[in-house]
N, C-alpha and C. Protein backbone atom coordinates (compact mmCIF):
# COMPACT_ATOMS: atom_id res chain seq x y z
N MET A 1 76.31 131.22 134.52
CA MET A 1 76.25 130.64 135.83
C MET A 1 76.89 129.26 135.78
N ARG A 2 77.81 129.07 136.64
CA ARG A 2 78.53 127.80 136.69
C ARG A 2 78.00 126.94 137.83
N TYR A 3 78.01 125.66 137.58
CA TYR A 3 77.61 124.72 138.62
C TYR A 3 78.79 124.45 139.55
N PRO A 4 78.53 124.14 140.79
CA PRO A 4 79.65 123.81 141.69
C PRO A 4 80.33 122.52 141.22
N PRO A 5 81.62 122.38 141.50
CA PRO A 5 82.33 121.17 141.05
C PRO A 5 81.73 119.91 141.69
N ARG A 6 81.73 118.85 140.89
CA ARG A 6 81.19 117.58 141.38
C ARG A 6 82.18 116.91 142.31
N ARG A 7 81.65 116.21 143.25
CA ARG A 7 82.56 115.46 144.12
C ARG A 7 83.05 114.23 143.34
N PRO A 8 84.23 113.74 143.66
CA PRO A 8 84.76 112.59 142.90
C PRO A 8 83.90 111.35 143.11
N ARG A 9 83.79 110.59 142.08
CA ARG A 9 83.01 109.36 142.16
C ARG A 9 83.84 108.28 142.83
N THR A 10 83.24 107.65 143.79
CA THR A 10 83.96 106.57 144.49
C THR A 10 83.57 105.21 143.94
N SER A 11 82.56 105.17 143.10
CA SER A 11 82.11 103.88 142.58
C SER A 11 83.11 103.29 141.58
N ASN A 12 83.98 104.11 140.99
CA ASN A 12 84.97 103.60 140.04
C ASN A 12 86.17 102.99 140.74
N ILE A 13 86.35 103.30 142.00
CA ILE A 13 87.48 102.77 142.74
C ILE A 13 87.05 101.44 143.35
N LYS A 14 87.72 100.37 142.93
CA LYS A 14 87.34 99.05 143.43
C LYS A 14 88.30 98.60 144.51
N GLU A 15 87.73 98.07 145.56
CA GLU A 15 88.54 97.47 146.61
C GLU A 15 88.82 96.03 146.23
N LYS A 16 89.89 95.49 146.79
CA LYS A 16 90.16 94.08 146.58
C LYS A 16 89.13 93.28 147.35
N THR A 17 88.54 92.33 146.68
CA THR A 17 87.56 91.48 147.34
C THR A 17 88.04 90.04 147.29
N MET A 18 87.58 89.25 148.21
CA MET A 18 88.06 87.89 148.35
C MET A 18 87.50 86.96 147.29
N GLY A 19 86.33 87.20 146.79
CA GLY A 19 85.70 86.25 145.89
C GLY A 19 84.89 85.26 146.72
N ARG A 20 84.56 84.14 146.13
CA ARG A 20 83.75 83.16 146.85
C ARG A 20 84.60 82.44 147.89
N PRO A 21 84.07 82.28 149.08
CA PRO A 21 84.82 81.57 150.12
C PRO A 21 84.85 80.07 149.87
N ILE A 22 85.82 79.40 150.48
CA ILE A 22 85.93 77.96 150.39
C ILE A 22 84.73 77.33 151.11
N GLN A 23 84.19 76.28 150.54
CA GLN A 23 83.03 75.62 151.14
C GLN A 23 83.42 74.98 152.47
N LYS A 24 82.52 75.07 153.44
CA LYS A 24 82.79 74.55 154.78
C LYS A 24 82.99 73.04 154.77
N ARG A 25 82.43 72.33 153.78
CA ARG A 25 82.59 70.88 153.75
C ARG A 25 84.01 70.46 153.35
N GLN A 26 84.83 71.42 152.91
CA GLN A 26 86.20 71.10 152.54
C GLN A 26 87.21 71.44 153.63
N ILE A 27 86.82 72.34 154.54
CA ILE A 27 87.73 72.75 155.60
C ILE A 27 87.09 72.45 156.95
N GLN A 28 87.70 72.84 158.01
CA GLN A 28 87.32 72.60 159.40
C GLN A 28 87.71 71.18 159.82
N ALA A 29 87.45 70.83 161.06
CA ALA A 29 87.83 69.52 161.59
C ALA A 29 86.83 68.46 161.14
N GLY A 30 87.33 67.25 160.89
CA GLY A 30 86.45 66.15 160.51
C GLY A 30 87.09 65.25 159.48
N ASP A 31 86.40 64.17 159.18
CA ASP A 31 86.89 63.21 158.18
C ASP A 31 86.76 63.79 156.79
N ASN A 32 87.71 63.42 155.93
CA ASN A 32 87.73 63.82 154.53
C ASN A 32 87.71 65.33 154.35
N ARG A 33 88.43 66.05 155.19
CA ARG A 33 88.60 67.50 155.08
C ARG A 33 90.07 67.80 154.83
N ILE A 34 90.38 68.93 154.22
CA ILE A 34 91.76 69.29 153.87
C ILE A 34 92.61 69.39 155.13
N GLN A 35 93.78 68.75 155.07
CA GLN A 35 94.71 68.74 156.19
C GLN A 35 95.85 69.74 155.96
N VAL A 36 96.19 70.50 156.98
CA VAL A 36 97.33 71.41 156.92
C VAL A 36 98.59 70.58 157.18
N THR A 37 99.60 70.72 156.31
CA THR A 37 100.82 69.94 156.45
C THR A 37 101.69 70.46 157.58
N ALA A 38 101.92 71.77 157.62
CA ALA A 38 102.76 72.37 158.66
C ALA A 38 102.35 73.82 158.87
N ALA A 39 102.53 74.30 160.09
CA ALA A 39 102.20 75.69 160.42
C ALA A 39 103.23 76.22 161.39
N TYR A 40 103.49 77.54 161.30
CA TYR A 40 104.43 78.20 162.21
C TYR A 40 103.64 79.27 162.94
N PHE A 41 103.16 78.93 164.14
CA PHE A 41 102.40 79.87 164.95
C PHE A 41 103.33 80.92 165.54
N THR A 42 102.86 82.15 165.64
CA THR A 42 103.66 83.25 166.17
C THR A 42 104.08 82.94 167.60
N GLY A 43 105.37 83.08 167.87
CA GLY A 43 105.89 82.87 169.21
C GLY A 43 106.24 81.43 169.54
N ASP A 44 105.99 80.49 168.63
CA ASP A 44 106.32 79.08 168.90
C ASP A 44 107.81 78.80 168.82
N GLY A 45 108.50 79.47 167.92
CA GLY A 45 109.93 79.23 167.76
C GLY A 45 110.26 78.09 166.83
N ALA A 46 109.27 77.35 166.34
CA ALA A 46 109.53 76.25 165.42
C ALA A 46 108.26 75.93 164.64
N VAL A 47 108.46 75.23 163.53
CA VAL A 47 107.34 74.81 162.69
C VAL A 47 106.64 73.63 163.36
N THR A 48 105.32 73.63 163.35
CA THR A 48 104.53 72.53 163.90
C THR A 48 104.02 71.68 162.75
N PRO A 49 104.55 70.46 162.57
CA PRO A 49 104.02 69.59 161.50
C PRO A 49 102.79 68.83 161.99
N THR A 50 101.97 68.39 161.04
CA THR A 50 100.84 67.54 161.39
C THR A 50 101.38 66.15 161.71
N SER A 51 100.92 65.57 162.80
CA SER A 51 101.33 64.22 163.16
C SER A 51 100.16 63.54 163.86
N VAL A 52 100.41 62.34 164.35
CA VAL A 52 99.36 61.60 165.05
C VAL A 52 98.96 62.35 166.32
N ASN A 53 99.93 62.97 167.00
CA ASN A 53 99.65 63.65 168.26
C ASN A 53 99.19 65.09 168.09
N SER A 54 99.47 65.71 166.97
CA SER A 54 99.04 67.10 166.77
C SER A 54 98.38 67.24 165.40
N LYS A 55 97.11 67.58 165.41
CA LYS A 55 96.34 67.76 164.18
C LYS A 55 96.23 69.24 163.87
N LEU A 56 96.45 69.59 162.62
CA LEU A 56 96.31 70.96 162.15
C LEU A 56 95.21 71.00 161.09
N TYR A 57 94.33 71.98 161.18
CA TYR A 57 93.28 72.10 160.18
C TYR A 57 92.89 73.56 160.01
N ILE A 58 92.25 73.86 158.87
CA ILE A 58 91.75 75.21 158.59
C ILE A 58 90.38 75.33 159.23
N ASP A 59 90.22 76.33 160.08
CA ASP A 59 88.93 76.54 160.73
C ASP A 59 88.01 77.41 159.87
N ASN A 60 88.54 78.54 159.35
CA ASN A 60 87.75 79.37 158.45
C ASN A 60 88.67 80.23 157.58
N GLN A 61 88.08 80.85 156.58
CA GLN A 61 88.82 81.66 155.62
C GLN A 61 88.65 83.13 155.97
N ARG A 62 89.77 83.86 156.00
CA ARG A 62 89.75 85.29 156.31
C ARG A 62 89.90 86.14 155.06
N SER A 63 90.72 85.70 154.11
CA SER A 63 90.89 86.36 152.81
C SER A 63 91.34 85.29 151.83
N SER A 64 91.77 85.69 150.63
CA SER A 64 92.10 84.69 149.62
C SER A 64 93.30 83.82 150.00
N ARG A 65 94.22 84.35 150.81
CA ARG A 65 95.38 83.55 151.22
C ARG A 65 95.57 83.49 152.73
N LYS A 66 94.64 84.05 153.49
CA LYS A 66 94.73 84.01 154.95
C LYS A 66 93.59 83.17 155.51
N PHE A 67 93.97 82.29 156.42
CA PHE A 67 93.01 81.36 157.01
C PHE A 67 93.27 81.28 158.51
N THR A 68 92.22 81.00 159.28
CA THR A 68 92.40 80.70 160.69
C THR A 68 92.75 79.22 160.79
N VAL A 69 93.97 78.94 161.27
CA VAL A 69 94.45 77.58 161.41
C VAL A 69 94.41 77.20 162.88
N LYS A 70 93.85 76.02 163.16
CA LYS A 70 93.79 75.53 164.53
C LYS A 70 94.67 74.31 164.65
N GLY A 71 95.33 74.22 165.80
CA GLY A 71 96.17 73.07 166.09
C GLY A 71 95.71 72.42 167.38
N LEU A 72 95.46 71.13 167.31
CA LEU A 72 95.06 70.36 168.49
C LEU A 72 96.19 69.39 168.79
N GLY A 73 96.81 69.51 169.95
CA GLY A 73 97.93 68.63 170.23
C GLY A 73 98.25 68.51 171.69
N ALA A 74 99.37 67.83 171.94
CA ALA A 74 99.80 67.57 173.31
C ALA A 74 100.21 68.86 174.02
N ASN A 75 100.66 69.87 173.26
CA ASN A 75 101.10 71.14 173.86
C ASN A 75 99.95 72.12 174.06
N GLY A 76 98.74 71.70 173.82
CA GLY A 76 97.59 72.58 173.98
C GLY A 76 97.02 73.00 172.63
N ASP A 77 95.85 73.58 172.68
CA ASP A 77 95.18 74.02 171.47
C ASP A 77 95.66 75.41 171.08
N LYS A 78 95.86 75.62 169.77
CA LYS A 78 96.29 76.92 169.26
C LYS A 78 95.39 77.32 168.12
N SER A 79 95.21 78.62 167.95
CA SER A 79 94.41 79.14 166.87
C SER A 79 94.98 80.50 166.48
N GLU A 80 95.21 80.68 165.17
CA GLU A 80 95.80 81.94 164.69
C GLU A 80 95.49 82.11 163.21
N VAL A 81 95.40 83.36 162.77
CA VAL A 81 95.24 83.65 161.35
C VAL A 81 96.63 83.60 160.72
N LEU A 82 96.80 82.66 159.77
CA LEU A 82 98.08 82.44 159.11
C LEU A 82 97.91 82.60 157.60
N THR A 83 99.04 82.84 156.92
CA THR A 83 99.06 83.02 155.47
C THR A 83 99.47 81.73 154.78
N LEU A 84 98.74 81.32 153.75
CA LEU A 84 99.06 80.13 152.97
C LEU A 84 100.23 80.42 152.04
N VAL A 85 101.29 79.59 152.10
CA VAL A 85 102.46 79.77 151.25
C VAL A 85 102.77 78.48 150.52
N GLY A 86 103.46 78.59 149.40
CA GLY A 86 103.80 77.43 148.59
C GLY A 86 105.22 76.96 148.82
N LYS A 87 105.57 76.65 150.06
CA LYS A 87 106.90 76.13 150.37
C LYS A 87 106.81 75.11 151.49
N ALA A 88 107.83 74.28 151.60
CA ALA A 88 107.81 73.16 152.56
C ALA A 88 107.97 73.62 154.00
N THR A 89 108.79 74.63 154.24
CA THR A 89 109.01 75.10 155.60
C THR A 89 108.51 76.53 155.73
N PRO A 90 107.33 76.71 156.30
CA PRO A 90 106.78 78.05 156.43
C PRO A 90 107.53 78.89 157.46
N ALA A 91 107.53 80.21 157.26
CA ALA A 91 108.12 81.14 158.22
C ALA A 91 107.06 81.48 159.26
N GLU A 92 107.42 82.31 160.22
CA GLU A 92 106.49 82.67 161.29
C GLU A 92 105.25 83.36 160.71
N GLY A 93 104.08 82.90 161.12
CA GLY A 93 102.82 83.45 160.63
C GLY A 93 102.35 82.85 159.32
N GLU A 94 102.94 81.71 158.92
CA GLU A 94 102.60 81.07 157.65
C GLU A 94 102.26 79.60 157.88
N PHE A 95 101.58 78.99 156.88
CA PHE A 95 101.33 77.56 156.90
C PHE A 95 101.35 77.02 155.49
N CYS A 96 101.48 75.70 155.35
CA CYS A 96 101.52 75.10 154.02
C CYS A 96 100.63 73.87 153.95
N ILE A 97 100.19 73.57 152.72
CA ILE A 97 99.40 72.37 152.43
C ILE A 97 100.12 71.64 151.31
N GLN A 98 100.51 70.41 151.57
CA GLN A 98 101.23 69.61 150.58
C GLN A 98 100.23 68.85 149.73
N CYS A 99 100.54 68.71 148.44
CA CYS A 99 99.73 67.86 147.58
C CYS A 99 100.64 67.11 146.61
N ILE A 100 100.16 65.98 146.15
CA ILE A 100 100.92 65.09 145.27
C ILE A 100 100.25 65.08 143.90
N LEU A 101 101.06 65.24 142.85
CA LEU A 101 100.53 65.16 141.49
C LEU A 101 100.52 63.72 141.02
N ASP A 102 99.91 63.46 139.86
CA ASP A 102 99.79 62.08 139.38
C ASP A 102 101.13 61.42 139.06
N ASP A 103 102.18 62.22 138.83
CA ASP A 103 103.50 61.65 138.58
C ASP A 103 104.35 61.61 139.85
N SER A 104 103.71 61.68 141.03
CA SER A 104 104.33 61.63 142.36
C SER A 104 105.18 62.85 142.68
N THR A 105 105.00 63.94 141.96
CA THR A 105 105.70 65.19 142.27
C THR A 105 105.06 65.83 143.49
N VAL A 106 105.90 66.21 144.45
CA VAL A 106 105.40 66.88 145.65
C VAL A 106 105.31 68.37 145.36
N THR A 107 104.12 68.94 145.54
CA THR A 107 103.91 70.36 145.33
C THR A 107 103.21 70.94 146.56
N TYR A 108 103.15 72.27 146.61
CA TYR A 108 102.52 72.96 147.73
C TYR A 108 101.48 73.94 147.21
N VAL A 109 100.37 74.01 147.90
CA VAL A 109 99.25 74.85 147.49
C VAL A 109 99.58 76.32 147.75
N THR A 110 99.33 77.17 146.76
CA THR A 110 99.50 78.61 146.94
C THR A 110 98.16 79.32 147.04
N ARG A 111 97.11 78.75 146.42
CA ARG A 111 95.75 79.30 146.51
C ARG A 111 94.76 78.15 146.51
N LEU A 112 93.75 78.29 147.34
CA LEU A 112 92.65 77.31 147.39
C LEU A 112 91.41 77.91 146.75
N HIS A 113 90.77 77.13 145.90
CA HIS A 113 89.49 77.50 145.33
C HIS A 113 88.55 76.33 145.62
N ASN A 114 87.28 76.44 145.31
CA ASN A 114 86.34 75.38 145.65
C ASN A 114 86.57 74.09 144.89
N ARG A 115 86.95 74.17 143.64
CA ARG A 115 87.17 72.95 142.85
C ARG A 115 88.59 72.82 142.34
N THR A 116 89.37 73.88 142.44
CA THR A 116 90.74 73.86 141.92
C THR A 116 91.71 74.44 142.94
N VAL A 117 93.00 74.19 142.70
CA VAL A 117 94.06 74.77 143.52
C VAL A 117 95.16 75.29 142.61
N SER A 118 95.90 76.27 143.10
CA SER A 118 97.12 76.69 142.44
C SER A 118 98.25 76.07 143.24
N VAL A 119 99.13 75.33 142.56
CA VAL A 119 100.22 74.63 143.25
C VAL A 119 101.55 74.98 142.60
N GLN A 120 102.61 74.82 143.38
CA GLN A 120 103.96 75.00 142.87
C GLN A 120 104.89 74.08 143.65
N GLU A 121 106.03 73.76 143.03
CA GLU A 121 107.03 72.99 143.75
C GLU A 121 107.64 73.89 144.82
N ASP A 122 108.39 73.32 145.75
CA ASP A 122 108.87 74.02 146.93
C ASP A 122 109.49 75.38 146.61
N ASN A 123 108.74 76.45 146.90
CA ASN A 123 109.20 77.84 146.78
C ASN A 123 109.73 78.17 145.38
N ASP A 124 109.14 77.61 144.33
CA ASP A 124 109.57 77.84 142.95
C ASP A 124 108.38 78.31 142.11
N PRO A 125 108.17 79.64 142.01
CA PRO A 125 107.00 80.15 141.29
C PRO A 125 107.00 79.86 139.79
N THR A 126 108.11 79.43 139.22
CA THR A 126 108.13 79.11 137.79
C THR A 126 107.39 77.81 137.51
N THR A 127 107.10 77.00 138.54
CA THR A 127 106.39 75.73 138.35
C THR A 127 104.91 75.83 138.70
N LEU A 128 104.39 77.05 138.79
CA LEU A 128 103.00 77.27 139.20
C LEU A 128 102.03 76.64 138.20
N GLN A 129 101.06 75.87 138.73
CA GLN A 129 100.03 75.22 137.93
C GLN A 129 98.68 75.44 138.60
N HIS A 130 97.64 75.44 137.79
CA HIS A 130 96.28 75.58 138.30
C HIS A 130 95.54 74.31 137.92
N LEU A 131 95.19 73.47 138.93
CA LEU A 131 94.64 72.15 138.67
C LEU A 131 93.40 71.88 139.52
N PRO A 132 92.51 71.00 139.04
CA PRO A 132 91.45 70.51 139.91
C PRO A 132 92.09 69.60 140.96
N PHE A 133 91.40 69.40 142.09
CA PHE A 133 92.00 68.56 143.14
C PHE A 133 91.03 67.52 143.66
N THR A 134 91.62 66.49 144.27
CA THR A 134 90.86 65.48 144.99
C THR A 134 91.42 65.40 146.40
N ARG A 135 90.59 64.92 147.32
CA ARG A 135 91.04 64.75 148.71
C ARG A 135 91.19 63.26 148.96
N LEU A 136 92.44 62.82 149.21
CA LEU A 136 92.71 61.40 149.45
C LEU A 136 93.54 61.25 150.71
N THR A 137 93.52 60.05 151.28
CA THR A 137 94.34 59.79 152.47
C THR A 137 95.80 59.65 152.08
N GLU A 138 96.67 59.71 153.06
CA GLU A 138 98.12 59.64 152.83
C GLU A 138 98.51 58.36 152.10
N ALA A 139 97.89 57.25 152.42
CA ALA A 139 98.27 55.97 151.82
C ALA A 139 97.83 55.83 150.36
N THR A 140 96.83 56.57 149.94
CA THR A 140 96.28 56.39 148.59
C THR A 140 96.45 57.59 147.69
N ASP A 141 97.35 58.53 148.03
CA ASP A 141 97.37 59.78 147.27
C ASP A 141 98.32 59.81 146.08
N GLU A 142 99.19 58.83 145.91
CA GLU A 142 100.18 58.93 144.85
C GLU A 142 99.73 58.24 143.57
N GLY A 143 99.72 59.00 142.49
CA GLY A 143 99.46 58.46 141.16
C GLY A 143 98.07 57.92 140.96
N GLN A 144 97.10 58.31 141.74
CA GLN A 144 95.75 57.75 141.63
C GLN A 144 94.93 58.39 140.52
N VAL A 145 94.88 59.70 140.49
CA VAL A 145 94.02 60.40 139.54
C VAL A 145 94.89 61.28 138.66
N SER A 146 94.79 61.09 137.34
CA SER A 146 95.65 61.86 136.44
C SER A 146 95.12 63.28 136.26
N ASN A 147 96.04 64.20 136.07
CA ASN A 147 95.75 65.62 135.87
C ASN A 147 94.98 66.26 137.02
N LYS A 148 95.20 65.76 138.23
CA LYS A 148 94.60 66.35 139.42
C LYS A 148 95.64 66.38 140.52
N ALA A 149 95.50 67.36 141.40
CA ALA A 149 96.35 67.46 142.58
C ALA A 149 95.66 66.70 143.69
N ASN A 150 96.39 65.83 144.38
CA ASN A 150 95.83 65.01 145.46
C ASN A 150 96.25 65.61 146.80
N ILE A 151 95.29 66.13 147.55
CA ILE A 151 95.54 66.76 148.85
C ILE A 151 95.22 65.77 149.94
N ASP A 152 96.11 65.68 150.94
CA ASP A 152 95.87 64.79 152.08
C ASP A 152 94.69 65.27 152.90
N VAL A 153 93.99 64.32 153.51
CA VAL A 153 92.85 64.63 154.37
C VAL A 153 93.16 64.25 155.80
N GLN A 154 92.34 64.75 156.71
CA GLN A 154 92.52 64.47 158.15
C GLN A 154 92.18 63.03 158.46
């Protein structure tokens, strides 16, 4: 007597999971929170840089590289899920976060973690580094802390 065939096990098949989300105290609007350098909202036709008149910030995390980015500015408020990229000029549906290394090298964040970031120089994956980061203002971010990436804050 034979037993009927077993159904395939689904527990061995793993889905991609995001891991731990970024802490809310590091993102969203407010003082000493991570600032988005530039974003390209769908249908805008141009990259929106952060300036005095238009503030860009991460509202929440959707996956490991996708975030809801909000823009507050003279042209109205915008909100969209965008992909984090490691280049200076993002394409449509992308955004970037600039950071400065201790030797004043300008790099761009490719992945955000709670205490560390993955950074690379403008669209050059051969320069990828994984470093702890600090959040500093634009005026104080160059060469302050050695072996750390300095990210601008709002």
